[in-house]
């Protein structure tokens, strides 16, 4: 089970660096990040990365 701290750190990291990767199987974190981004009216792209250990990479669109 994810903790709120892990989710908050991930979101802050994404806002600072403009990019974060999330394990493909971690649906809780993906849903939370997407909800938080929508709530902040931030536009983003999702990319699937990795051959063996697949990850979803969120990239903030530059405005």
PDB file of N, CA and C in Angstrom:
ATOM      1  N   UNK A   1       0.840  -1.192   0.000  1.00  0.00           N
ATOM      2  CA  UNK A   1       0.000   0.000   0.000  1.00  0.00           C
ATOM      3  C   UNK A   1       0.878   1.246   0.000  1.00  0.00           C
ATOM      4  N   UNK A   2       0.520   2.209  -0.811  1.00  0.00           N
ATOM      5  CA  UNK A   2       1.308   3.437  -0.896  1.00  0.00           C
ATOM      6  C   UNK A   2       1.010   4.359   0.267  1.00  0.00           C
ATOM      7  N   UNK A   3       2.010   5.139   0.631  1.00  0.00           N
ATOM      8  CA  UNK A   3       1.767   6.153   1.649  1.00  0.00           C
ATOM      9  C   UNK A   3       1.570   7.500   0.969  1.00  0.00           C
ATOM     10  N   UNK A   4       0.912   8.384   1.690  1.00  0.00           N
ATOM     11  CA  UNK A   4       0.663   9.721   1.141  1.00  0.00           C
ATOM     12  C   UNK A   4       1.988  10.428   0.877  1.00  0.00           C
ATOM     13  N   UNK A   5       2.993  10.200   1.737  1.00  0.00           N
ATOM     14  CA  UNK A   5       4.292  10.858   1.567  1.00  0.00           C
ATOM     15  C   UNK A   5       4.941  10.490   0.240  1.00  0.00           C
ATOM     16  N   UNK A   6       4.874   9.225  -0.127  1.00  0.00           N
ATOM     17  CA  UNK A   6       5.472   8.780  -1.385  1.00  0.00           C
ATOM     18  C   UNK A   6       4.779   9.466  -2.558  1.00  0.00           C
ATOM     19  N   UNK A   7       3.452   9.549  -2.495  1.00  0.00           N
ATOM     20  CA  UNK A   7       2.698  10.181  -3.569  1.00  0.00           C
ATOM     21  C   UNK A   7       3.024  11.672  -3.643  1.00  0.00           C
ATOM     22  N   UNK A   8       3.060  12.342  -2.487  1.00  0.00           N
ATOM     23  CA  UNK A   8       3.356  13.775  -2.456  1.00  0.00           C
ATOM     24  C   UNK A   8       4.772  14.042  -2.976  1.00  0.00           C
ATOM     25  N   UNK A   9       5.734  13.228  -2.583  1.00  0.00           N
ATOM     26  CA  UNK A   9       7.110  13.392  -3.058  1.00  0.00           C
ATOM     27  C   UNK A   9       7.175  13.227  -4.573  1.00  0.00           C
ATOM     28  N   UNK A  10       6.454  12.260  -5.103  1.00  0.00           N
ATOM     29  CA  UNK A  10       6.453  12.023  -6.538  1.00  0.00           C
ATOM     30  C   UNK A  10       5.877  13.219  -7.280  1.00  0.00           C
ATOM     31  N   UNK A  11       4.780  13.768  -6.752  1.00  0.00           N
ATOM     32  CA  UNK A  11       4.139  14.906  -7.399  1.00  0.00           C
ATOM     33  C   UNK A  11       5.049  16.129  -7.349  1.00  0.00           C
ATOM     34  N   UNK A  12       5.676  16.372  -6.192  1.00  0.00           N
ATOM     35  CA  UNK A  12       6.598  17.508  -6.070  1.00  0.00           C
ATOM     36  C   UNK A  12       7.793  17.348  -7.005  1.00  0.00           C
ATOM     37  N   UNK A  13       8.303  16.129  -7.093  1.00  0.00           N
ATOM     38  CA  UNK A  13       9.418  15.840  -7.981  1.00  0.00           C
ATOM     39  C   UNK A  13       9.032  16.119  -9.438  1.00  0.00           C
ATOM     40  N   UNK A  14       7.813  15.730  -9.799  1.00  0.00           N
ATOM     41  CA  UNK A  14       7.333  15.949 -11.160  1.00  0.00           C
ATOM     42  C   UNK A  14       7.219  17.447 -11.448  1.00  0.00           C
ATOM     43  N   UNK A  15       6.688  18.209 -10.488  1.00  0.00           N
ATOM     44  CA  UNK A  15       6.529  19.648 -10.702  1.00  0.00           C
ATOM     45  C   UNK A  15       7.891  20.337 -10.820  1.00  0.00           C
ATOM     46  N   UNK A  16       8.884  19.876 -10.047  1.00  0.00           N
ATOM     47  CA  UNK A  16      10.209  20.500 -10.084  1.00  0.00           C
ATOM     48  C   UNK A  16      10.991  20.105 -11.341  1.00  0.00           C
ATOM     49  N   UNK A  17      11.015  18.831 -11.638  1.00  0.00           N
ATOM     50  CA  UNK A  17      11.865  18.343 -12.725  1.00  0.00           C
ATOM     51  C   UNK A  17      11.138  18.228 -14.059  1.00  0.00           C
ATOM     52  N   UNK A  18       9.798  18.224 -14.010  1.00  0.00           N
ATOM     53  CA  UNK A  18       9.026  18.136 -15.242  1.00  0.00           C
ATOM     54  C   UNK A  18       8.904  16.736 -15.803  1.00  0.00           C
ATOM     55  N   UNK A  19       9.387  15.744 -15.042  1.00  0.00           N
ATOM     56  CA  UNK A  19       9.375  14.370 -15.547  1.00  0.00           C
ATOM     57  C   UNK A  19       9.493  13.403 -14.368  1.00  0.00           C
ATOM     58  N   UNK A  20       8.715  12.361 -14.400  1.00  0.00           N
ATOM     59  CA  UNK A  20       8.850  11.323 -13.370  1.00  0.00           C
ATOM     60  C   UNK A  20       8.403   9.994 -13.964  1.00  0.00           C
ATOM     61  N   UNK A  21       9.043   8.917 -13.507  1.00  0.00           N
ATOM     62  CA  UNK A  21       8.620   7.601 -13.986  1.00  0.00           C
ATOM     63  C   UNK A  21       7.968   6.843 -12.842  1.00  0.00           C
ATOM     64  N   UNK A  22       6.946   6.087 -13.203  1.00  0.00           N
ATOM     65  CA  UNK A  22       6.158   5.317 -12.244  1.00  0.00           C
ATOM     66  C   UNK A  22       6.113   3.877 -12.763  1.00  0.00           C
ATOM     67  N   UNK A  23       6.321   2.894 -11.873  1.00  0.00           N
ATOM     68  CA  UNK A  23       6.224   1.502 -12.334  1.00  0.00           C
ATOM     69  C   UNK A  23       4.858   1.244 -12.978  1.00  0.00           C
ATOM     70  N   UNK A  24       4.867   0.505 -14.060  1.00  0.00           N
ATOM     71  CA  UNK A  24       3.645   0.242 -14.830  1.00  0.00           C
ATOM     72  C   UNK A  24       2.554  -0.389 -13.965  1.00  0.00           C
ATOM     73  N   UNK A  25       2.949  -1.246 -13.013  1.00  0.00           N
ATOM     74  CA  UNK A  25       1.948  -1.947 -12.203  1.00  0.00           C
ATOM     75  C   UNK A  25       1.434  -1.105 -11.023  1.00  0.00           C
ATOM     76  N   UNK A  26       2.019   0.084 -10.798  1.00  0.00           N
ATOM     77  CA  UNK A  26       1.618   0.921  -9.660  1.00  0.00           C
ATOM     78  C   UNK A  26       0.467   1.843 -10.060  1.00  0.00           C
ATOM     79  N   UNK A  27      -0.709   1.261 -10.170  1.00  0.00           N
ATOM     80  CA  UNK A  27      -1.879   2.010 -10.640  1.00  0.00           C
ATOM     81  C   UNK A  27      -2.323   3.089  -9.662  1.00  0.00           C
ATOM     82  N   UNK A  28      -2.179   2.844  -8.356  1.00  0.00           N
ATOM     83  CA  UNK A  28      -2.578   3.846  -7.356  1.00  0.00           C
ATOM     84  C   UNK A  28      -1.833   5.155  -7.572  1.00  0.00           C
ATOM     85  N   UNK A  29      -0.525   5.058  -7.756  1.00  0.00           N
ATOM     86  CA  UNK A  29       0.283   6.258  -7.950  1.00  0.00           C
ATOM     87  C   UNK A  29      -0.065   6.937  -9.277  1.00  0.00           C
ATOM     88  N   UNK A  30      -0.297   6.152 -10.313  1.00  0.00           N
ATOM     89  CA  UNK A  30      -0.664   6.733 -11.613  1.00  0.00           C
ATOM     90  C   UNK A  30      -1.975   7.503 -11.503  1.00  0.00           C
ATOM     91  N   UNK A  31      -2.986   6.905 -10.886  1.00  0.00           N
ATOM     92  CA  UNK A  31      -4.282   7.577 -10.744  1.00  0.00           C
ATOM     93  C   UNK A  31      -4.145   8.853  -9.933  1.00  0.00           C
ATOM     94  N   UNK A  32      -3.376   8.774  -8.834  1.00  0.00           N
ATOM     95  CA  UNK A  32      -3.224   9.958  -7.992  1.00  0.00           C
ATOM     96  C   UNK A  32      -2.529  11.088  -8.747  1.00  0.00           C
ATOM     97  N   UNK A  33      -1.429  10.762  -9.420  1.00  0.00           N
ATOM     98  CA  UNK A  33      -0.698  11.794 -10.164  1.00  0.00           C
ATOM     99  C   UNK A  33      -1.577  12.440 -11.225  1.00  0.00           C
ATOM    100  N   UNK A  34      -2.340  11.616 -11.937  1.00  0.00           N
ATOM    101  CA  UNK A  34      -3.204  12.158 -12.991  1.00  0.00           C
ATOM    102  C   UNK A  34      -4.291  13.049 -12.402  1.00  0.00           C
ATOM    103  N   UNK A  35      -4.878  12.634 -11.281  1.00  0.00           N
ATOM    104  CA  UNK A  35      -5.898  13.462 -10.627  1.00  0.00           C
ATOM    105  C   UNK A  35      -5.301  14.773 -10.140  1.00  0.00           C
ATOM    106  N   UNK A  36      -4.110  14.705  -9.546  1.00  0.00           N
ATOM    107  CA  UNK A  36      -3.459  15.912  -9.031  1.00  0.00           C
ATOM    108  C   UNK A  36      -3.105  16.863 -10.176  1.00  0.00           C
ATOM    109  N   UNK A  37      -2.618  16.320 -11.274  1.00  0.00           N
ATOM    110  CA  UNK A  37      -2.260  17.159 -12.430  1.00  0.00           C
ATOM    111  C   UNK A  37      -3.496  17.829 -13.019  1.00  0.00           C
ATOM    112  N   UNK A  38      -4.586  17.075 -13.118  1.00  0.00           N
ATOM    113  CA  UNK A  38      -5.826  17.652 -13.650  1.00  0.00           C
ATOM    114  C   UNK A  38      -6.344  18.738 -12.718  1.00  0.00           C
ATOM    115  N   UNK A  39      -6.255  18.501 -11.417  1.00  0.00           N
ATOM    116  CA  UNK A  39      -6.729  19.488 -10.436  1.00  0.00           C
ATOM    117  C   UNK A  39      -5.927  20.785 -10.531  1.00  0.00           C
ATOM    118  N   UNK A  40      -4.657  20.681 -10.909  1.00  0.00           N
ATOM    119  CA  UNK A  40      -3.793  21.867 -11.038  1.00  0.00           C
ATOM    120  C   UNK A  40      -3.817  22.433 -12.461  1.00  0.00           C
ATOM    121  N   UNK A  41      -4.677  21.882 -13.316  1.00  0.00           N
ATOM    122  CA  UNK A  41      -4.752  22.301 -14.727  1.00  0.00           C
ATOM    123  C   UNK A  41      -3.406  22.214 -15.441  1.00  0.00           C
ATOM    124  N   UNK A  42      -2.637  21.182 -15.127  1.00  0.00           N
ATOM    125  CA  UNK A  42      -1.335  20.990 -15.775  1.00  0.00           C
ATOM    126  C   UNK A  42      -1.507  19.995 -16.914  1.00  0.00           C
ATOM    127  N   UNK A  43      -0.914  20.314 -18.039  1.00  0.00           N
ATOM    128  CA  UNK A  43      -0.959  19.429 -19.197  1.00  0.00           C
ATOM    129  C   UNK A  43       0.262  18.509 -19.144  1.00  0.00           C
ATOM    130  N   UNK A  44       0.041  17.244 -19.499  1.00  0.00           N
ATOM    131  CA  UNK A  44       1.146  16.289 -19.450  1.00  0.00           C
ATOM    132  C   UNK A  44       0.998  15.247 -20.549  1.00  0.00           C
ATOM    133  N   UNK A  45       2.106  14.592 -20.817  1.00  0.00           N
ATOM    134  CA  UNK A  45       2.122  13.475 -21.763  1.00  0.00           C
ATOM    135  C   UNK A  45       2.545  12.230 -20.994  1.00  0.00           C
ATOM    136  N   UNK A  46       2.083  11.075 -21.466  1.00  0.00           N
ATOM    137  CA  UNK A  46       2.488   9.803 -20.874  1.00  0.00           C
ATOM    138  C   UNK A  46       3.227   8.995 -21.937  1.00  0.00           C
ATOM    139  N   UNK A  47       4.351   8.405 -21.529  1.00  0.00           N
ATOM    140  CA  UNK A  47       5.152   7.595 -22.442  1.00  0.00           C
ATOM    141  C   UNK A  47       5.466   6.282 -21.738  1.00  0.00           C
ATOM    142  N   UNK A  48       5.387   5.185 -22.477  1.00  0.00           N
ATOM    143  CA  UNK A  48       5.774   3.881 -21.935  1.00  0.00           C
ATOM    144  C   UNK A  48       7.257   3.684 -22.224  1.00  0.00           C
ATOM    145  N   UNK A  49       8.037   3.338 -21.184  1.00  0.00           N
ATOM    146  CA  UNK A  49       9.484   3.209 -21.341  1.00  0.00           C
ATOM    147  C   UNK A  49       9.960   1.903 -20.730  1.00  0.00           C
ATOM    148  N   UNK A  50      11.056   1.405 -21.235  1.00  0.00           N
ATOM    149  CA  UNK A  50      11.676   0.220 -20.658  1.00  0.00           C
ATOM    150  C   UNK A  50      11.286  -1.046 -21.382  1.00  0.00           C
ATOM    151  N   UNK A  51      12.250  -1.944 -21.489  1.00  0.00           N
ATOM    152  CA  UNK A  51      11.987  -3.227 -22.148  1.00  0.00           C
ATOM    153  C   UNK A  51      11.574  -4.278 -21.135  1.00  0.00           C
ATOM    154  N   UNK A  52      12.417  -4.432 -20.116  1.00  0.00           N
ATOM    155  CA  UNK A  52      12.154  -5.472 -19.122  1.00  0.00           C
ATOM    156  C   UNK A  52      11.231  -4.936 -18.024  1.00  0.00           C
ATOM    157  N   UNK A  53      11.651  -3.872 -17.365  1.00  0.00           N
ATOM    158  CA  UNK A  53      10.854  -3.259 -16.300  1.00  0.00           C
ATOM    159  C   UNK A  53      10.149  -2.043 -16.875  1.00  0.00           C
ATOM    160  N   UNK A  54       8.938  -2.246 -17.326  1.00  0.00           N
ATOM    161  CA  UNK A  54       8.201  -1.171 -17.992  1.00  0.00           C
ATOM    162  C   UNK A  54       7.752  -0.111 -16.989  1.00  0.00           C
ATOM    163  N   UNK A  55       7.849   1.145 -17.424  1.00  0.00           N
ATOM    164  CA  UNK A  55       7.454   2.271 -16.592  1.00  0.00           C
ATOM    165  C   UNK A  55       6.609   3.216 -17.427  1.00  0.00           C
ATOM    166  N   UNK A  56       5.717   3.925 -16.743  1.00  0.00           N
ATOM    167  CA  UNK A  56       4.993   5.025 -17.368  1.00  0.00           C
ATOM    168  C   UNK A  56       5.770   6.277 -16.997  1.00  0.00           C
ATOM    169  N   UNK A  57       6.142   7.076 -17.986  1.00  0.00           N
ATOM    170  CA  UNK A  57       6.861   8.309 -17.711  1.00  0.00           C
ATOM    171  C   UNK A  57       5.903   9.469 -17.975  1.00  0.00           C
ATOM    172  N   UNK A  58       5.725  10.305 -16.965  1.00  0.00           N
ATOM    173  CA  UNK A  58       4.904  11.506 -17.091  1.00  0.00           C
ATOM    174  C   UNK A  58       5.830  12.674 -17.400  1.00  0.00           C
ATOM    175  N   UNK A  59       5.499  13.424 -18.434  1.00  0.00           N
ATOM    176  CA  UNK A  59       6.295  14.576 -18.836  1.00  0.00           C
ATOM    177  C   UNK A  59       5.368  15.785 -18.877  1.00  0.00           C
ATOM    178  N   UNK A  60       5.700  16.795 -18.095  1.00  0.00           N
ATOM    179  CA  UNK A  60       4.885  18.003 -18.111  1.00  0.00           C
ATOM    180  C   UNK A  60       5.101  18.742 -19.412  1.00  0.00           C
ATOM    181  N   UNK A  61       4.024  19.156 -20.039  1.00  0.00           N
ATOM    182  CA  UNK A  61       4.122  19.939 -21.269  1.00  0.00           C
ATOM    183  C   UNK A  61       4.494  21.366 -20.907  1.00  0.00           C
ATOM    184  N   UNK A  62       5.460  21.901 -21.595  1.00  0.00           N
ATOM    185  CA  UNK A  62       5.873  23.295 -21.361  1.00  0.00           C
ATOM    186  C   UNK A  62       4.805  24.215 -21.928  1.00  0.00           C
ATOM    187  N   UNK A  63       4.437  25.191 -21.148  1.00  0.00           N
ATOM    188  CA  UNK A  63       3.405  26.130 -21.583  1.00  0.00           C
ATOM    189  C   UNK A  63       4.054  27.424 -22.035  1.00  0.00           C
TER     190      UNK A  63
END
